[in-house]
Amino acid sequence: MTEKLLSPLRTRPWPERWLIRMLGAGVATGAYVVCVPAGSVPVSVAGEVSGGGGVALAVILVFLAGYVGHRDDLAWPLLVVAVPPAVLMYVSFESEQPLAWAFATLVIGAGALVAATVGRCFRPRGGEDSADGLLCAAAGR
């Protein structure tokens, strides 16, 4: 069972790959909806995260990005983890604060990429010919 939950998605059948990706996007969307109350903006005009909802959202998205990065290619965490909250945030900002939305989207995307890269370092070495070894060698692994 653990092998199925942690094996790279490219070795799994395509319906399972897309199911995992859609579930990840659903978790990211659900985390945003639960952590950020309806009608409120998670980032104030001054750029501060309001309340514990922003911290809880960040923790959930970092762990989700690490998991997706561990299992899938490096571009998928951006699409699965960062895009759903960014779209919901754009709708909730209602175009009143485009700079705050852009900054929050940049932070979410960068956090997702960093967490995904760290997650990829914990992949088992199985004859892969990619640049992952270079990234993880710099981390000391």
C-alpha atoms as a PDB file:
ATOM      1  CA  MET A   1       0.000   0.000   0.000  1.00  0.00           C
ATOM      2  CA  THR A   2       2.828   2.420   0.817  1.00  0.00           C
ATOM      3  CA  GLU A   3       4.382   1.676  -2.566  1.00  0.00           C
ATOM      4  CA  LYS A   4       1.203   2.861  -4.296  1.00  0.00           C
ATOM      5  CA  LEU A   5       1.056   6.048  -2.229  1.00  0.00           C
ATOM      6  CA  LEU A   6       4.701   7.004  -2.774  1.00  0.00           C
ATOM      7  CA  SER A   7       5.657   5.589  -6.183  1.00  0.00           C
ATOM      8  CA  PRO A   8       6.210   8.018  -9.072  1.00  0.00           C
ATOM      9  CA  LEU A   9       3.028   8.702 -10.994  1.00  0.00           C
ATOM     10  CA  ARG A  10       4.651   8.009 -14.362  1.00  0.00           C
ATOM     11  CA  THR A  11       4.723   4.307 -13.388  1.00  0.00           C
ATOM     12  CA  ARG A  12       0.985   4.278 -12.603  1.00  0.00           C
ATOM     13  CA  PRO A  13      -1.875   3.928 -15.117  1.00  0.00           C
ATOM     14  CA  TRP A  14      -3.198   7.207 -16.545  1.00  0.00           C
ATOM     15  CA  PRO A  15      -6.598   7.133 -14.750  1.00  0.00           C
ATOM     16  CA  GLU A  16      -4.797   6.880 -11.405  1.00  0.00           C
ATOM     17  CA  ARG A  17      -2.461   9.732 -12.364  1.00  0.00           C
ATOM     18  CA  TRP A  18      -5.309  12.059 -13.185  1.00  0.00           C
ATOM     19  CA  LEU A  19      -7.322  10.997 -10.159  1.00  0.00           C
ATOM     20  CA  ILE A  20      -4.391  11.860  -7.860  1.00  0.00           C
ATOM     21  CA  ARG A  21      -3.930  15.213  -9.609  1.00  0.00           C
ATOM     22  CA  MET A  22      -7.635  16.082  -9.365  1.00  0.00           C
ATOM     23  CA  LEU A  23      -7.737  15.039  -5.703  1.00  0.00           C
ATOM     24  CA  GLY A  24      -4.722  17.259  -5.038  1.00  0.00           C
ATOM     25  CA  ALA A  25      -6.420  20.220  -6.718  1.00  0.00           C
ATOM     26  CA  GLY A  26      -9.543  19.488  -4.689  1.00  0.00           C
ATOM     27  CA  VAL A  27      -7.554  19.446  -1.450  1.00  0.00           C
ATOM     28  CA  ALA A  28      -5.904  22.767  -2.352  1.00  0.00           C
ATOM     29  CA  THR A  29      -9.295  24.291  -3.173  1.00  0.00           C
ATOM     30  CA  GLY A  30     -10.868  22.896  -0.014  1.00  0.00           C
ATOM     31  CA  ALA A  31      -7.991  24.159   2.113  1.00  0.00           C
ATOM     32  CA  TYR A  32      -8.466  27.672   0.753  1.00  0.00           C
ATOM     33  CA  VAL A  33     -12.225  27.574   1.289  1.00  0.00           C
ATOM     34  CA  VAL A  34     -11.872  26.269   4.862  1.00  0.00           C
ATOM     35  CA  CYS A  35      -8.916  28.432   5.947  1.00  0.00           C
ATOM     36  CA  VAL A  36     -10.062  31.710   4.413  1.00  0.00           C
ATOM     37  CA  PRO A  37     -13.601  32.715   5.426  1.00  0.00           C
ATOM     38  CA  ALA A  38     -15.930  33.739   2.598  1.00  0.00           C
ATOM     39  CA  GLY A  39     -15.748  37.382   1.719  1.00  0.00           C
ATOM     40  CA  SER A  40     -12.504  38.063   3.557  1.00  0.00           C
ATOM     41  CA  VAL A  41      -9.184  38.773   1.975  1.00  0.00           C
ATOM     42  CA  PRO A  42      -6.317  36.628   3.343  1.00  0.00           C
ATOM     43  CA  VAL A  43      -3.734  39.332   2.718  1.00  0.00           C
ATOM     44  CA  SER A  44      -4.395  42.849   3.974  1.00  0.00           C
ATOM     45  CA  VAL A  45      -3.430  45.971   2.076  1.00  0.00           C
ATOM     46  CA  ALA A  46      -0.206  46.162   4.094  1.00  0.00           C
ATOM     47  CA  GLY A  47       0.723  42.654   2.912  1.00  0.00           C
ATOM     48  CA  GLU A  48       0.281  40.946   6.277  1.00  0.00           C
ATOM     49  CA  VAL A  49      -1.335  37.560   6.611  1.00  0.00           C
ATOM     50  CA  SER A  50      -4.492  37.910   8.647  1.00  0.00           C
ATOM     51  CA  GLY A  51      -5.102  35.390  11.413  1.00  0.00           C
ATOM     52  CA  GLY A  52      -4.208  31.760  11.708  1.00  0.00           C
ATOM     53  CA  GLY A  53      -6.090  30.871   8.535  1.00  0.00           C
ATOM     54  CA  GLY A  54      -3.215  32.052   6.362  1.00  0.00           C
ATOM     55  CA  VAL A  55      -0.695  30.030   8.345  1.00  0.00           C
ATOM     56  CA  ALA A  56      -2.869  26.902   8.234  1.00  0.00           C
ATOM     57  CA  LEU A  57      -3.352  27.363   4.481  1.00  0.00           C
ATOM     58  CA  ALA A  58       0.398  27.741   3.979  1.00  0.00           C
ATOM     59  CA  VAL A  59       1.174  24.577   5.963  1.00  0.00           C
ATOM     60  CA  ILE A  60      -1.406  22.521   4.065  1.00  0.00           C
ATOM     61  CA  LEU A  61      -0.205  23.783   0.679  1.00  0.00           C
ATOM     62  CA  VAL A  62       3.472  23.168   1.515  1.00  0.00           C
ATOM     63  CA  PHE A  63       2.815  19.564   2.530  1.00  0.00           C
ATOM     64  CA  LEU A  64       0.597  19.000  -0.512  1.00  0.00           C
ATOM     65  CA  ALA A  65       3.224  20.487  -2.852  1.00  0.00           C
ATOM     66  CA  GLY A  66       5.920  18.306  -1.294  1.00  0.00           C
ATOM     67  CA  TYR A  67       3.788  15.198  -1.818  1.00  0.00           C
ATOM     68  CA  VAL A  68       2.902  16.077  -5.411  1.00  0.00           C
ATOM     69  CA  GLY A  69       6.532  16.996  -6.113  1.00  0.00           C
ATOM     70  CA  HIS A  70       7.665  13.671  -4.690  1.00  0.00           C
ATOM     71  CA  ARG A  71       5.325  11.713  -6.932  1.00  0.00           C
ATOM     72  CA  ASP A  72       5.047  13.773 -10.123  1.00  0.00           C
ATOM     73  CA  ASP A  73       7.016  16.016 -12.458  1.00  0.00           C
ATOM     74  CA  LEU A  74       8.107  19.437 -11.261  1.00  0.00           C
ATOM     75  CA  ALA A  75       5.493  21.463 -13.190  1.00  0.00           C
ATOM     76  CA  TRP A  76       2.499  19.655 -11.699  1.00  0.00           C
ATOM     77  CA  PRO A  77       2.720  21.141  -8.181  1.00  0.00           C
ATOM     78  CA  LEU A  78       2.197  24.571  -9.696  1.00  0.00           C
ATOM     79  CA  LEU A  79      -0.910  23.419 -11.534  1.00  0.00           C
ATOM     80  CA  VAL A  80      -2.290  21.225  -8.766  1.00  0.00           C
ATOM     81  CA  VAL A  81      -1.359  23.217  -5.646  1.00  0.00           C
ATOM     82  CA  ALA A  82      -0.838  26.861  -6.603  1.00  0.00           C
ATOM     83  CA  VAL A  83      -3.439  27.528  -9.306  1.00  0.00           C
ATOM     84  CA  PRO A  84      -6.683  26.677  -7.430  1.00  0.00           C
ATOM     85  CA  PRO A  85      -6.010  29.035  -4.477  1.00  0.00           C
ATOM     86  CA  ALA A  86      -4.771  31.736  -6.860  1.00  0.00           C
ATOM     87  CA  VAL A  87      -7.991  31.573  -8.878  1.00  0.00           C
ATOM     88  CA  LEU A  88     -10.167  31.621  -5.761  1.00  0.00           C
ATOM     89  CA  MET A  89      -8.127  34.494  -4.367  1.00  0.00           C
ATOM     90  CA  TYR A  90      -8.550  36.453  -7.602  1.00  0.00           C
ATOM     91  CA  VAL A  91     -12.309  36.003  -7.371  1.00  0.00           C
ATOM     92  CA  SER A  92     -12.394  36.994  -3.692  1.00  0.00           C
ATOM     93  CA  PHE A  93     -10.239  40.094  -4.243  1.00  0.00           C
ATOM     94  CA  GLU A  94     -12.758  41.196  -6.897  1.00  0.00           C
ATOM     95  CA  SER A  95     -10.030  43.101  -8.758  1.00  0.00           C
ATOM     96  CA  GLU A  96      -9.784  45.656  -5.932  1.00  0.00           C
ATOM     97  CA  GLN A  97      -6.220  44.759  -4.993  1.00  0.00           C
ATOM     98  CA  PRO A  98      -4.385  43.459  -8.069  1.00  0.00           C
ATOM     99  CA  LEU A  99      -0.917  43.976  -6.566  1.00  0.00           C
ATOM    100  CA  ALA A 100      -1.817  42.086  -3.399  1.00  0.00           C
ATOM    101  CA  TRP A 101      -3.218  39.249  -5.513  1.00  0.00           C
ATOM    102  CA  ALA A 102      -0.089  39.166  -7.691  1.00  0.00           C
ATOM    103  CA  PHE A 103       2.194  39.125  -4.655  1.00  0.00           C
ATOM    104  CA  ALA A 104       0.197  36.379  -2.915  1.00  0.00           C
ATOM    105  CA  THR A 105       0.142  34.316  -6.124  1.00  0.00           C
ATOM    106  CA  LEU A 106       3.911  34.711  -6.489  1.00  0.00           C
ATOM    107  CA  VAL A 107       4.476  33.612  -2.889  1.00  0.00           C
ATOM    108  CA  ILE A 108       2.177  30.587  -3.268  1.00  0.00           C
ATOM    109  CA  GLY A 109       3.826  29.562  -6.551  1.00  0.00           C
ATOM    110  CA  ALA A 110       7.360  29.955  -5.213  1.00  0.00           C
ATOM    111  CA  GLY A 111       6.482  28.044  -2.048  1.00  0.00           C
ATOM    112  CA  ALA A 112       4.970  25.244  -4.114  1.00  0.00           C
ATOM    113  CA  LEU A 113       8.091  24.987  -6.275  1.00  0.00           C
ATOM    114  CA  VAL A 114      10.444  24.957  -3.298  1.00  0.00           C
ATOM    115  CA  ALA A 115       8.366  22.328  -1.466  1.00  0.00           C
ATOM    116  CA  ALA A 116       8.128  20.228  -4.636  1.00  0.00           C
ATOM    117  CA  THR A 117      11.888  20.386  -5.134  1.00  0.00           C
ATOM    118  CA  VAL A 118      12.465  19.259  -1.552  1.00  0.00           C
ATOM    119  CA  GLY A 119       9.925  16.459  -2.051  1.00  0.00           C
ATOM    120  CA  ARG A 120      11.781  15.302  -5.160  1.00  0.00           C
ATOM    121  CA  CYS A 121      14.984  14.919  -3.144  1.00  0.00           C
ATOM    122  CA  PHE A 122      13.342  12.113  -1.183  1.00  0.00           C
ATOM    123  CA  ARG A 123      12.541  10.037  -4.277  1.00  0.00           C
ATOM    124  CA  PRO A 124      14.223   6.644  -4.406  1.00  0.00           C
ATOM    125  CA  ARG A 125      17.047   6.453  -6.918  1.00  0.00           C
ATOM    126  CA  GLY A 126      15.908   4.102  -9.642  1.00  0.00           C
ATOM    127  CA  GLY A 127      17.997   4.630 -12.740  1.00  0.00           C
ATOM    128  CA  GLU A 128      16.596   8.075 -13.508  1.00  0.00           C
ATOM    129  CA  ASP A 129      18.503  10.246 -15.925  1.00  0.00           C
ATOM    130  CA  SER A 130      17.475  13.722 -14.891  1.00  0.00           C
ATOM    131  CA  ALA A 131      18.754  16.815 -13.173  1.00  0.00           C
ATOM    132  CA  ASP A 132      17.160  15.798  -9.852  1.00  0.00           C
ATOM    133  CA  GLY A 133      20.478  14.435  -8.656  1.00  0.00           C
ATOM    134  CA  LEU A 134      22.112  17.822  -9.160  1.00  0.00           C
ATOM    135  CA  LEU A 135      19.473  19.576  -7.083  1.00  0.00           C
ATOM    136  CA  CYS A 136      19.662  17.024  -4.284  1.00  0.00           C
ATOM    137  CA  ALA A 137      23.456  16.906  -4.346  1.00  0.00           C
ATOM    138  CA  ALA A 138      23.473  20.588  -3.540  1.00  0.00           C
ATOM    139  CA  ALA A 139      21.233  19.824  -0.558  1.00  0.00           C
ATOM    140  CA  GLY A 140      23.784  17.338   0.754  1.00  0.00           C
ATOM    141  CA  ARG A 141      22.100  14.071  -0.169  1.00  0.00           C
END
